[in-house]
Amino acid sequence: MEKVWRFTIEHGTVTSGARSRKQLSPSGCNEPFKDRYWCPKRQWFRRAPCPFVNRRECENYQLMCGSL
């Protein structure tokens, strides 16, 4: 099955479909796209920014609680 649309972050460049721009956040977390925020852990968009400061904090929370 072929993907219809793709969102990736590689080497400081955010690519969404055929468009590219410079990455705004250092870790890729909460990378804005229209009115949503990218979560690299889930590989999907969130309606509100993630409450964690960085990806390490997110991973620690998941280890303690079992899920996001």
Protein backbone atom coordinates (compact mmCIF):
# COMPACT_ATOMS: atom_id res chain seq x y z
CA MET A 1 0.00 0.00 0.00
CA GLU A 2 1.45 3.34 -1.03
CA LYS A 3 1.32 6.39 1.24
CA VAL A 4 -0.82 9.26 0.02
CA TRP A 5 0.97 11.92 2.09
CA ARG A 6 4.17 11.92 4.12
CA PHE A 7 5.55 14.08 6.97
CA THR A 8 9.25 13.60 7.79
CA ILE A 9 12.01 15.38 9.67
CA GLU A 10 15.54 14.66 8.45
CA HIS A 11 18.79 16.60 8.86
CA GLY A 12 17.03 19.76 10.09
CA THR A 13 14.50 19.83 7.25
CA VAL A 14 10.77 19.26 7.66
CA THR A 15 9.10 17.77 4.59
CA SER A 16 5.35 17.57 4.22
CA GLY A 17 4.23 16.20 0.89
CA ALA A 18 6.19 18.09 -1.78
CA ARG A 19 6.98 21.11 0.46
CA SER A 20 10.07 21.59 2.66
CA ARG A 21 11.16 24.06 5.32
CA LYS A 22 13.77 24.41 8.08
CA GLN A 23 13.07 22.56 11.34
CA LEU A 24 11.96 24.94 14.13
CA SER A 25 12.40 22.73 17.21
CA PRO A 26 15.73 21.06 18.08
CA SER A 27 14.25 17.60 18.82
CA GLY A 28 11.40 17.46 16.32
CA CYS A 29 8.84 17.39 19.12
CA ASN A 30 5.96 19.86 18.78
CA GLU A 31 7.00 20.78 15.26
CA PRO A 32 4.09 22.98 14.08
CA PHE A 33 2.12 22.14 10.95
CA LYS A 34 -0.95 24.28 10.28
CA ASP A 35 -2.94 24.08 13.56
CA ARG A 36 -1.40 20.78 14.77
CA TYR A 37 1.85 19.68 16.42
CA TRP A 38 4.00 16.73 15.34
CA CYS A 39 4.80 13.98 17.86
CA PRO A 40 7.78 11.88 16.68
CA LYS A 41 7.05 9.24 19.33
CA ARG A 42 3.57 8.52 17.94
CA GLN A 43 4.46 9.49 14.36
CA TRP A 44 1.27 11.54 14.22
CA PHE A 45 -0.14 15.00 14.96
CA ARG A 46 -1.56 16.34 18.23
CA ARG A 47 -4.15 19.09 18.65
CA ALA A 48 -2.19 20.79 21.44
CA PRO A 49 1.57 21.01 22.05
CA CYS A 50 3.08 18.18 24.06
CA PRO A 51 3.44 19.05 27.76
CA PHE A 52 6.94 17.53 27.97
CA VAL A 53 10.07 19.68 27.68
CA ASN A 54 11.95 17.16 25.52
CA ARG A 55 11.77 13.63 24.17
CA ARG A 56 13.69 12.20 27.13
CA GLU A 57 11.03 13.47 29.54
CA CYS A 58 8.37 11.86 27.31
CA GLU A 59 10.22 8.52 27.39
CA ASN A 60 10.60 8.69 31.20
CA TYR A 61 6.86 9.30 31.58
CA GLN A 62 6.09 6.33 29.34
CA LEU A 63 8.42 4.08 31.37
CA MET A 64 6.76 5.12 34.65
CA CYS A 65 3.13 5.05 33.46
CA GLY A 66 3.19 2.44 30.70
CA SER A 67 1.72 4.57 27.89
CA LEU A 68 1.12 8.08 26.65
